[in-house]
Amino acid sequence: MTAPRLSRRTYVFAYLALLALTLITTLIAYLNLGVWSTVIAIGIATVMASIVAGIMMHALYESLLIRIIVSGGIIWFFFMITLTLGDYISRGWLPVPGK
């Protein structure tokens, strides 16, 4: 199997995009946007992870099987986050003696 040939230009643009998004994330941390600070930071982190997986790890240029495996990993991640949040949210439902 041959590896996809990407130009240096693609890697340079990906690198510059990652640097710019890191700078934006850092600058957002200094602003008080309330709940939106976290939402924007997570959105930027998602874009950065997509750039790393898609371009740097060549997931965009692989076969359908690799894309299905990556999609399964993303679905599994959301499944685990859902279970964790379900546990965290439901902790105050049962009365605990001594509190």
PDB file of N, CA and C in Angstrom:
ATOM      1  N   MET A   1       0.840  -1.158   0.000  1.00  0.00           N
ATOM      2  CA  MET A   1       0.000   0.000   0.000  1.00  0.00           C
ATOM      3  C   MET A   1       0.897   1.237   0.000  1.00  0.00           C
ATOM      4  N   THR A   2       0.622   2.156  -0.859  1.00  0.00           N
ATOM      5  CA  THR A   2       1.434   3.365  -0.928  1.00  0.00           C
ATOM      6  C   THR A   2       0.808   4.466  -0.090  1.00  0.00           C
ATOM      7  N   ALA A   3       1.652   5.220   0.530  1.00  0.00           N
ATOM      8  CA  ALA A   3       1.191   6.336   1.348  1.00  0.00           C
ATOM      9  C   ALA A   3       0.815   7.508   0.441  1.00  0.00           C
ATOM     10  N   PRO A   4      -0.192   8.259   0.823  1.00  0.00           N
ATOM     11  CA  PRO A   4      -0.564   9.405  -0.006  1.00  0.00           C
ATOM     12  C   PRO A   4       0.528  10.463   0.008  1.00  0.00           C
ATOM     13  N   ARG A   5       0.743  11.075  -1.126  1.00  0.00           N
ATOM     14  CA  ARG A   5       1.762  12.118  -1.243  1.00  0.00           C
ATOM     15  C   ARG A   5       1.092  13.467  -1.113  1.00  0.00           C
ATOM     16  N   LEU A   6       1.387  14.146  -0.056  1.00  0.00           N
ATOM     17  CA  LEU A   6       0.873  15.498   0.154  1.00  0.00           C
ATOM     18  C   LEU A   6       2.019  16.479  -0.016  1.00  0.00           C
ATOM     19  N   SER A   7       1.685  17.635  -0.522  1.00  0.00           N
ATOM     20  CA  SER A   7       2.728  18.636  -0.726  1.00  0.00           C
ATOM     21  C   SER A   7       3.116  19.280   0.601  1.00  0.00           C
ATOM     22  N   ARG A   8       4.266  19.892   0.593  1.00  0.00           N
ATOM     23  CA  ARG A   8       4.702  20.624   1.791  1.00  0.00           C
ATOM     24  C   ARG A   8       3.751  21.770   2.090  1.00  0.00           C
ATOM     25  N   ARG A   9       3.178  22.312   1.054  1.00  0.00           N
ATOM     26  CA  ARG A   9       2.246  23.428   1.217  1.00  0.00           C
ATOM     27  C   ARG A   9       1.063  23.020   2.104  1.00  0.00           C
ATOM     28  N   THR A  10       0.555  21.814   1.905  1.00  0.00           N
ATOM     29  CA  THR A  10      -0.555  21.320   2.722  1.00  0.00           C
ATOM     30  C   THR A  10      -0.144  21.217   4.187  1.00  0.00           C
ATOM     31  N   TYR A  11       1.041  20.675   4.424  1.00  0.00           N
ATOM     32  CA  TYR A  11       1.518  20.553   5.802  1.00  0.00           C
ATOM     33  C   TYR A  11       1.785  21.925   6.432  1.00  0.00           C
ATOM     34  N   VAL A  12       2.307  22.854   5.660  1.00  0.00           N
ATOM     35  CA  VAL A  12       2.580  24.192   6.187  1.00  0.00           C
ATOM     36  C   VAL A  12       1.272  24.884   6.544  1.00  0.00           C
ATOM     37  N   PHE A  13       0.262  24.772   5.673  1.00  0.00           N
ATOM     38  CA  PHE A  13      -1.035  25.387   5.972  1.00  0.00           C
ATOM     39  C   PHE A  13      -1.681  24.744   7.197  1.00  0.00           C
ATOM     40  N   ALA A  14      -1.559  23.422   7.327  1.00  0.00           N
ATOM     41  CA  ALA A  14      -2.106  22.742   8.500  1.00  0.00           C
ATOM     42  C   ALA A  14      -1.385  23.202   9.764  1.00  0.00           C
ATOM     43  N   TYR A  15      -0.071  23.316   9.679  1.00  0.00           N
ATOM     44  CA  TYR A  15       0.723  23.772  10.828  1.00  0.00           C
ATOM     45  C   TYR A  15       0.345  25.206  11.220  1.00  0.00           C
ATOM     46  N   LEU A  16       0.231  26.073  10.236  1.00  0.00           N
ATOM     47  CA  LEU A  16      -0.140  27.461  10.519  1.00  0.00           C
ATOM     48  C   LEU A  16      -1.560  27.553  11.072  1.00  0.00           C
ATOM     49  N   ALA A  17      -2.450  26.720  10.569  1.00  0.00           N
ATOM     50  CA  ALA A  17      -3.821  26.707  11.097  1.00  0.00           C
ATOM     51  C   ALA A  17      -3.827  26.249  12.549  1.00  0.00           C
ATOM     52  N   LEU A  18      -3.031  25.234  12.872  1.00  0.00           N
ATOM     53  CA  LEU A  18      -2.952  24.770  14.260  1.00  0.00           C
ATOM     54  C   LEU A  18      -2.363  25.841  15.174  1.00  0.00           C
ATOM     55  N   LEU A  19      -1.345  26.546  14.699  1.00  0.00           N
ATOM     56  CA  LEU A  19      -0.767  27.633  15.499  1.00  0.00           C
ATOM     57  C   LEU A  19      -1.781  28.758  15.714  1.00  0.00           C
ATOM     58  N   ALA A  20      -2.498  29.129  14.653  1.00  0.00           N
ATOM     59  CA  ALA A  20      -3.491  30.197  14.767  1.00  0.00           C
ATOM     60  C   ALA A  20      -4.613  29.796  15.715  1.00  0.00           C
ATOM     61  N   LEU A  21      -5.075  28.562  15.620  1.00  0.00           N
ATOM     62  CA  LEU A  21      -6.142  28.111  16.515  1.00  0.00           C
ATOM     63  C   LEU A  21      -5.667  28.029  17.964  1.00  0.00           C
ATOM     64  N   THR A  22      -4.401  27.669  18.172  1.00  0.00           N
ATOM     65  CA  THR A  22      -3.853  27.670  19.525  1.00  0.00           C
ATOM     66  C   THR A  22      -3.801  29.092  20.086  1.00  0.00           C
ATOM     67  N   LEU A  23      -3.391  30.044  19.256  1.00  0.00           N
ATOM     68  CA  LEU A  23      -3.370  31.441  19.681  1.00  0.00           C
ATOM     69  C   LEU A  23      -4.772  31.939  20.010  1.00  0.00           C
ATOM     70  N   ILE A  24      -5.736  31.593  19.180  1.00  0.00           N
ATOM     71  CA  ILE A  24      -7.115  32.019  19.430  1.00  0.00           C
ATOM     72  C   ILE A  24      -7.640  31.410  20.726  1.00  0.00           C
ATOM     73  N   THR A  25      -7.322  30.137  20.964  1.00  0.00           N
ATOM     74  CA  THR A  25      -7.751  29.490  22.208  1.00  0.00           C
ATOM     75  C   THR A  25      -7.141  30.187  23.421  1.00  0.00           C
ATOM     76  N   THR A  26      -5.876  30.545  23.326  1.00  0.00           N
ATOM     77  CA  THR A  26      -5.214  31.236  24.431  1.00  0.00           C
ATOM     78  C   THR A  26      -5.836  32.607  24.669  1.00  0.00           C
ATOM     79  N   LEU A  27      -6.116  33.340  23.600  1.00  0.00           N
ATOM     80  CA  LEU A  27      -6.722  34.663  23.746  1.00  0.00           C
ATOM     81  C   LEU A  27      -8.149  34.581  24.272  1.00  0.00           C
ATOM     82  N   ILE A  28      -8.882  33.551  23.894  1.00  0.00           N
ATOM     83  CA  ILE A  28     -10.247  33.364  24.396  1.00  0.00           C
ATOM     84  C   ILE A  28     -10.224  33.140  25.914  1.00  0.00           C
ATOM     85  N   ALA A  29      -9.166  32.508  26.411  1.00  0.00           N
ATOM     86  CA  ALA A  29      -9.072  32.228  27.848  1.00  0.00           C
ATOM     87  C   ALA A  29      -8.990  33.513  28.665  1.00  0.00           C
ATOM     88  N   TYR A  30      -8.495  34.588  28.069  1.00  0.00           N
ATOM     89  CA  TYR A  30      -8.381  35.851  28.794  1.00  0.00           C
ATOM     90  C   TYR A  30      -9.662  36.679  28.752  1.00  0.00           C
ATOM     91  N   LEU A  31     -10.599  36.306  27.886  1.00  0.00           N
ATOM     92  CA  LEU A  31     -11.864  37.028  27.806  1.00  0.00           C
ATOM     93  C   LEU A  31     -12.894  36.378  28.712  1.00  0.00           C
ATOM     94  N   ASN A  32     -13.780  37.192  29.264  1.00  0.00           N
ATOM     95  CA  ASN A  32     -14.850  36.668  30.092  1.00  0.00           C
ATOM     96  C   ASN A  32     -16.119  36.613  29.244  1.00  0.00           C
ATOM     97  N   LEU A  33     -16.351  35.474  28.627  1.00  0.00           N
ATOM     98  CA  LEU A  33     -17.537  35.288  27.800  1.00  0.00           C
ATOM     99  C   LEU A  33     -18.573  34.410  28.488  1.00  0.00           C
ATOM    100  N   GLY A  34     -18.385  34.182  29.760  1.00  0.00           N
ATOM    101  CA  GLY A  34     -19.325  33.347  30.503  1.00  0.00           C
ATOM    102  C   GLY A  34     -19.214  31.897  30.070  1.00  0.00           C
ATOM    103  N   VAL A  35     -20.353  31.296  29.840  1.00  0.00           N
ATOM    104  CA  VAL A  35     -20.404  29.895  29.438  1.00  0.00           C
ATOM    105  C   VAL A  35     -19.880  29.701  28.014  1.00  0.00           C
ATOM    106  N   TRP A  36     -19.879  30.745  27.228  1.00  0.00           N
ATOM    107  CA  TRP A  36     -19.454  30.642  25.832  1.00  0.00           C
ATOM    108  C   TRP A  36     -17.950  30.443  25.703  1.00  0.00           C
ATOM    109  N   SER A  37     -17.178  30.803  26.696  1.00  0.00           N
ATOM    110  CA  SER A  37     -15.730  30.567  26.642  1.00  0.00           C
ATOM    111  C   SER A  37     -15.433  29.079  26.491  1.00  0.00           C
ATOM    112  N   THR A  38     -16.109  28.273  27.282  1.00  0.00           N
ATOM    113  CA  THR A  38     -15.908  26.830  27.210  1.00  0.00           C
ATOM    114  C   THR A  38     -16.409  26.265  25.889  1.00  0.00           C
ATOM    115  N   VAL A  39     -17.557  26.727  25.446  1.00  0.00           N
ATOM    116  CA  VAL A  39     -18.128  26.235  24.193  1.00  0.00           C
ATOM    117  C   VAL A  39     -17.203  26.550  23.020  1.00  0.00           C
ATOM    118  N   ILE A  40     -16.685  27.765  22.968  1.00  0.00           N
ATOM    119  CA  ILE A  40     -15.782  28.159  21.887  1.00  0.00           C
ATOM    120  C   ILE A  40     -14.476  27.378  21.968  1.00  0.00           C
ATOM    121  N   ALA A  41     -13.945  27.201  23.172  1.00  0.00           N
ATOM    122  CA  ALA A  41     -12.693  26.455  23.336  1.00  0.00           C
ATOM    123  C   ALA A  41     -12.854  25.000  22.893  1.00  0.00           C
ATOM    124  N   ILE A  42     -13.973  24.381  23.214  1.00  0.00           N
ATOM    125  CA  ILE A  42     -14.200  22.999  22.805  1.00  0.00           C
ATOM    126  C   ILE A  42     -14.394  22.919  21.293  1.00  0.00           C
ATOM    127  N   GLY A  43     -15.059  23.905  20.719  1.00  0.00           N
ATOM    128  CA  GLY A  43     -15.220  23.941  19.268  1.00  0.00           C
ATOM    129  C   GLY A  43     -13.881  24.063  18.554  1.00  0.00           C
ATOM    130  N   ILE A  44     -13.027  24.927  19.064  1.00  0.00           N
ATOM    131  CA  ILE A  44     -11.701  25.092  18.469  1.00  0.00           C
ATOM    132  C   ILE A  44     -10.876  23.820  18.643  1.00  0.00           C
ATOM    133  N   ALA A  45     -10.966  23.184  19.798  1.00  0.00           N
ATOM    134  CA  ALA A  45     -10.244  21.925  20.017  1.00  0.00           C
ATOM    135  C   ALA A  45     -10.727  20.835  19.067  1.00  0.00           C
ATOM    136  N   THR A  46     -12.017  20.829  18.758  1.00  0.00           N
ATOM    137  CA  THR A  46     -12.557  19.853  17.812  1.00  0.00           C
ATOM    138  C   THR A  46     -12.000  20.084  16.414  1.00  0.00           C
ATOM    139  N   VAL A  47     -11.927  21.343  16.006  1.00  0.00           N
ATOM    140  CA  VAL A  47     -11.357  21.668  14.697  1.00  0.00           C
ATOM    141  C   VAL A  47      -9.884  21.274  14.646  1.00  0.00           C
ATOM    142  N   MET A  48      -9.156  21.548  15.724  1.00  0.00           N
ATOM    143  CA  MET A  48      -7.738  21.190  15.760  1.00  0.00           C
ATOM    144  C   MET A  48      -7.545  19.675  15.688  1.00  0.00           C
ATOM    145  N   ALA A  49      -8.366  18.922  16.414  1.00  0.00           N
ATOM    146  CA  ALA A  49      -8.262  17.460  16.363  1.00  0.00           C
ATOM    147  C   ALA A  49      -8.606  16.939  14.974  1.00  0.00           C
ATOM    148  N   SER A  50      -9.548  17.580  14.314  1.00  0.00           N
ATOM    149  CA  SER A  50      -9.906  17.170  12.956  1.00  0.00           C
ATOM    150  C   SER A  50      -8.759  17.420  11.980  1.00  0.00           C
ATOM    151  N   ILE A  51      -8.072  18.536  12.137  1.00  0.00           N
ATOM    152  CA  ILE A  51      -6.920  18.830  11.271  1.00  0.00           C
ATOM    153  C   ILE A  51      -5.808  17.812  11.494  1.00  0.00           C
ATOM    154  N   VAL A  52      -5.542  17.503  12.753  1.00  0.00           N
ATOM    155  CA  VAL A  52      -4.480  16.538  13.055  1.00  0.00           C
ATOM    156  C   VAL A  52      -4.837  15.156  12.513  1.00  0.00           C
ATOM    157  N   ALA A  53      -6.064  14.709  12.750  1.00  0.00           N
ATOM    158  CA  ALA A  53      -6.452  13.377  12.285  1.00  0.00           C
ATOM    159  C   ALA A  53      -6.575  13.323  10.769  1.00  0.00           C
ATOM    160  N   GLY A  54      -7.159  14.346  10.189  1.00  0.00           N
ATOM    161  CA  GLY A  54      -7.410  14.314   8.758  1.00  0.00           C
ATOM    162  C   GLY A  54      -6.175  14.498   7.906  1.00  0.00           C
ATOM    163  N   ILE A  55      -5.354  15.462   8.249  1.00  0.00           N
ATOM    164  CA  ILE A  55      -4.213  15.790   7.397  1.00  0.00           C
ATOM    165  C   ILE A  55      -2.930  15.149   7.913  1.00  0.00           C
ATOM    166  N   MET A  56      -2.609  15.372   9.168  1.00  0.00           N
ATOM    167  CA  MET A  56      -1.345  14.856   9.689  1.00  0.00           C
ATOM    168  C   MET A  56      -1.327  13.332   9.782  1.00  0.00           C
ATOM    169  N   MET A  57      -2.475  12.726  10.113  1.00  0.00           N
ATOM    170  CA  MET A  57      -2.533  11.276  10.229  1.00  0.00           C
ATOM    171  C   MET A  57      -3.082  10.625   8.954  1.00  0.00           C
ATOM    172  N   HIS A  58      -3.342  11.415   7.926  1.00  0.00           N
ATOM    173  CA  HIS A  58      -3.776  10.951   6.602  1.00  0.00           C
ATOM    174  C   HIS A  58      -5.101  10.207   6.631  1.00  0.00           C
ATOM    175  N   ALA A  59      -5.971  10.486   7.592  1.00  0.00           N
ATOM    176  CA  ALA A  59      -7.259   9.789   7.667  1.00  0.00           C
ATOM    177  C   ALA A  59      -8.168  10.166   6.505  1.00  0.00           C
ATOM    178  N   LEU A  60      -8.013  11.350   5.958  1.00  0.00           N
ATOM    179  CA  LEU A  60      -8.840  11.762   4.817  1.00  0.00           C
ATOM    180  C   LEU A  60      -8.494  11.003   3.546  1.00  0.00           C
ATOM    181  N   TYR A  61      -7.299  10.486   3.479  1.00  0.00           N
ATOM    182  CA  TYR A  61      -6.818   9.879   2.250  1.00  0.00           C
ATOM    183  C   TYR A  61      -6.732   8.359   2.334  1.00  0.00           C
ATOM    184  N   GLU A  62      -7.279   7.777   3.367  1.00  0.00           N
ATOM    185  CA  GLU A  62      -7.218   6.334   3.549  1.00  0.00           C
ATOM    186  C   GLU A  62      -8.467   5.665   2.983  1.00  0.00           C
ATOM    187  N   SER A  63      -8.505   4.355   3.100  1.00  0.00           N
ATOM    188  CA  SER A  63      -9.618   3.578   2.569  1.00  0.00           C
ATOM    189  C   SER A  63     -10.864   3.753   3.437  1.00  0.00           C
ATOM    190  N   LEU A  64     -11.962   3.197   2.953  1.00  0.00           N
ATOM    191  CA  LEU A  64     -13.237   3.299   3.656  1.00  0.00           C
ATOM    192  C   LEU A  64     -13.164   2.614   5.019  1.00  0.00           C
ATOM    193  N   LEU A  65     -12.428   1.532   5.120  1.00  0.00           N
ATOM    194  CA  LEU A  65     -12.315   0.819   6.391  1.00  0.00           C
ATOM    195  C   LEU A  65     -11.690   1.703   7.467  1.00  0.00           C
ATOM    196  N   ILE A  66     -10.655   2.446   7.120  1.00  0.00           N
ATOM    197  CA  ILE A  66     -10.016   3.338   8.094  1.00  0.00           C
ATOM    198  C   ILE A  66     -10.992   4.436   8.517  1.00  0.00           C
ATOM    199  N   ARG A  67     -11.747   4.963   7.592  1.00  0.00           N
ATOM    200  CA  ARG A  67     -12.740   5.997   7.920  1.00  0.00           C
ATOM    201  C   ARG A  67     -13.817   5.446   8.850  1.00  0.00           C
ATOM    202  N   ILE A  68     -14.224   4.207   8.637  1.00  0.00           N
ATOM    203  CA  ILE A  68     -15.222   3.582   9.512  1.00  0.00           C
ATOM    204  C   ILE A  68     -14.643   3.391  10.916  1.00  0.00           C
ATOM    205  N   ILE A  69     -13.381   2.986  11.004  1.00  0.00           N
ATOM    206  CA  ILE A  69     -12.743   2.796  12.306  1.00  0.00           C
ATOM    207  C   ILE A  69     -12.622   4.125  13.044  1.00  0.00           C
ATOM    208  N   VAL A  70     -12.234   5.183  12.349  1.00  0.00           N
ATOM    209  CA  VAL A  70     -12.145   6.508  12.968  1.00  0.00           C
ATOM    210  C   VAL A  70     -13.529   6.967  13.435  1.00  0.00           C
ATOM    211  N   SER A  71     -14.544   6.742  12.614  1.00  0.00           N
ATOM    212  CA  SER A  71     -15.910   7.107  12.996  1.00  0.00           C
ATOM    213  C   SER A  71     -16.364   6.317  14.225  1.00  0.00           C
ATOM    214  N   GLY A  72     -16.005   5.040  14.278  1.00  0.00           N
ATOM    215  CA  GLY A  72     -16.339   4.231  15.453  1.00  0.00           C
ATOM    216  C   GLY A  72     -15.669   4.754  16.714  1.00  0.00           C
ATOM    217  N   GLY A  73     -14.426   5.213  16.590  1.00  0.00           N
ATOM    218  CA  GLY A  73     -13.740   5.805  17.744  1.00  0.00           C
ATOM    219  C   GLY A  73     -14.420   7.074  18.230  1.00  0.00           C
ATOM    220  N   ILE A  74     -14.882   7.886  17.296  1.00  0.00           N
ATOM    221  CA  ILE A  74     -15.589   9.113  17.670  1.00  0.00           C
ATOM    222  C   ILE A  74     -16.919   8.790  18.347  1.00  0.00           C
ATOM    223  N   ILE A  75     -17.650   7.825  17.800  1.00  0.00           N
ATOM    224  CA  ILE A  75     -18.919   7.415  18.414  1.00  0.00           C
ATOM    225  C   ILE A  75     -18.680   6.848  19.804  1.00  0.00           C
ATOM    226  N   TRP A  76     -17.640   6.032  19.976  1.00  0.00           N
ATOM    227  CA  TRP A  76     -17.317   5.477  21.286  1.00  0.00           C
ATOM    228  C   TRP A  76     -16.961   6.586  22.278  1.00  0.00           C
ATOM    229  N   PHE A  77     -16.224   7.607  21.820  1.00  0.00           N
ATOM    230  CA  PHE A  77     -15.886   8.737  22.677  1.00  0.00           C
ATOM    231  C   PHE A  77     -17.148   9.440  23.168  1.00  0.00           C
ATOM    232  N   PHE A  78     -18.090   9.707  22.256  1.00  0.00           N
ATOM    233  CA  PHE A  78     -19.337  10.360  22.660  1.00  0.00           C
ATOM    234  C   PHE A  78     -20.156   9.483  23.601  1.00  0.00           C
ATOM    235  N   PHE A  79     -20.124   8.175  23.386  1.00  0.00           N
ATOM    236  CA  PHE A  79     -20.804   7.245  24.275  1.00  0.00           C
ATOM    237  C   PHE A  79     -20.233   7.324  25.688  1.00  0.00           C
ATOM    238  N   MET A  80     -18.914   7.335  25.811  1.00  0.00           N
ATOM    239  CA  MET A  80     -18.280   7.413  27.126  1.00  0.00           C
ATOM    240  C   MET A  80     -18.538   8.765  27.805  1.00  0.00           C
ATOM    241  N   ILE A  81     -18.526   9.840  27.020  1.00  0.00           N
ATOM    242  CA  ILE A  81     -18.838  11.160  27.586  1.00  0.00           C
ATOM    243  C   ILE A  81     -20.272  11.182  28.102  1.00  0.00           C
ATOM    244  N   THR A  82     -21.195  10.588  27.345  1.00  0.00           N
ATOM    245  CA  THR A  82     -22.597  10.542  27.771  1.00  0.00           C
ATOM    246  C   THR A  82     -22.744   9.783  29.076  1.00  0.00           C
ATOM    247  N   LEU A  83     -22.081   8.650  29.212  1.00  0.00           N
ATOM    248  CA  LEU A  83     -22.160   7.889  30.462  1.00  0.00           C
ATOM    249  C   LEU A  83     -21.555   8.676  31.628  1.00  0.00           C
ATOM    250  N   THR A  84     -20.443   9.343  31.386  1.00  0.00           N
ATOM    251  CA  THR A  84     -19.807  10.128  32.442  1.00  0.00           C
ATOM    252  C   THR A  84     -20.707  11.282  32.874  1.00  0.00           C
ATOM    253  N   LEU A  85     -21.279  11.996  31.924  1.00  0.00           N
ATOM    254  CA  LEU A  85     -22.166  13.102  32.268  1.00  0.00           C
ATOM    255  C   LEU A  85     -23.436  12.611  32.954  1.00  0.00           C
ATOM    256  N   GLY A  86     -23.947  11.457  32.535  1.00  0.00           N
ATOM    257  CA  GLY A  86     -25.125  10.887  33.200  1.00  0.00           C
ATOM    258  C   GLY A  86     -24.849  10.583  34.657  1.00  0.00           C
ATOM    259  N   ASP A  87     -23.664  10.059  34.956  1.00  0.00           N
ATOM    260  CA  ASP A  87     -23.283   9.790  36.338  1.00  0.00           C
ATOM    261  C   ASP A  87     -23.104  11.094  37.111  1.00  0.00           C
ATOM    262  N   TYR A  88     -22.468  12.064  36.517  1.00  0.00           N
ATOM    263  CA  TYR A  88     -22.200  13.331  37.195  1.00  0.00           C
ATOM    264  C   TYR A  88     -23.494  14.082  37.500  1.00  0.00           C
ATOM    265  N   ILE A  89     -24.407  14.114  36.551  1.00  0.00           N
ATOM    266  CA  ILE A  89     -25.659  14.851  36.734  1.00  0.00           C
ATOM    267  C   ILE A  89     -26.552  14.186  37.759  1.00  0.00           C
ATOM    268  N   SER A  90     -26.560  12.860  37.826  1.00  0.00           N
ATOM    269  CA  SER A  90     -27.488  12.152  38.711  1.00  0.00           C
ATOM    270  C   SER A  90     -26.949  11.950  40.124  1.00  0.00           C
ATOM    271  N   ARG A  91     -25.813  12.473  40.474  1.00  0.00           N
ATOM    272  CA  ARG A  91     -25.253  12.254  41.811  1.00  0.00           C
ATOM    273  C   ARG A  91     -26.054  12.908  42.919  1.00  0.00           C
ATOM    274  N   GLY A  92     -26.726  13.998  42.660  1.00  0.00           N
ATOM    275  CA  GLY A  92     -27.465  14.677  43.722  1.00  0.00           C
ATOM    276  C   GLY A  92     -28.873  14.172  43.909  1.00  0.00           C
ATOM    277  N   TRP A  93     -29.288  13.148  43.159  1.00  0.00           N
ATOM    278  CA  TRP A  93     -30.657  12.671  43.236  1.00  0.00           C
ATOM    279  C   TRP A  93     -30.936  11.886  44.492  1.00  0.00           C
ATOM    280  N   LEU A  94     -29.979  11.110  44.972  1.00  0.00           N
ATOM    281  CA  LEU A  94     -30.196  10.281  46.164  1.00  0.00           C
ATOM    282  C   LEU A  94     -29.681  11.025  47.388  1.00  0.00           C
ATOM    283  N   PRO A  95     -30.503  11.025  48.441  1.00  0.00           N
ATOM    284  CA  PRO A  95     -30.029  11.693  49.669  1.00  0.00           C
ATOM    285  C   PRO A  95     -28.933  10.865  50.340  1.00  0.00           C
ATOM    286  N   VAL A  96     -27.889  11.555  50.739  1.00  0.00           N
ATOM    287  CA  VAL A  96     -26.767  10.898  51.407  1.00  0.00           C
ATOM    288  C   VAL A  96     -26.803  11.318  52.865  1.00  0.00           C
ATOM    289  N   PRO A  97     -26.863  10.362  53.796  1.00  0.00           N
ATOM    290  CA  PRO A  97     -26.895  10.745  55.212  1.00  0.00           C
ATOM    291  C   PRO A  97     -25.610  11.452  55.634  1.00  0.00           C
ATOM    292  N   GLY A  98     -25.762  12.456  56.464  1.00  0.00           N
ATOM    293  CA  GLY A  98     -24.628  13.177  56.980  1.00  0.00           C
ATOM    294  C   GLY A  98     -24.253  14.400  56.154  1.00  0.00           C
ATOM    295  N   LYS A  99     -25.006  14.717  55.138  1.00  0.00           N
ATOM    296  CA  LYS A  99     -24.698  15.905  54.333  1.00  0.00           C
ATOM    297  C   LYS A  99     -25.789  16.925  54.434  1.00  0.00           C
TER     298      LYS A  99
END
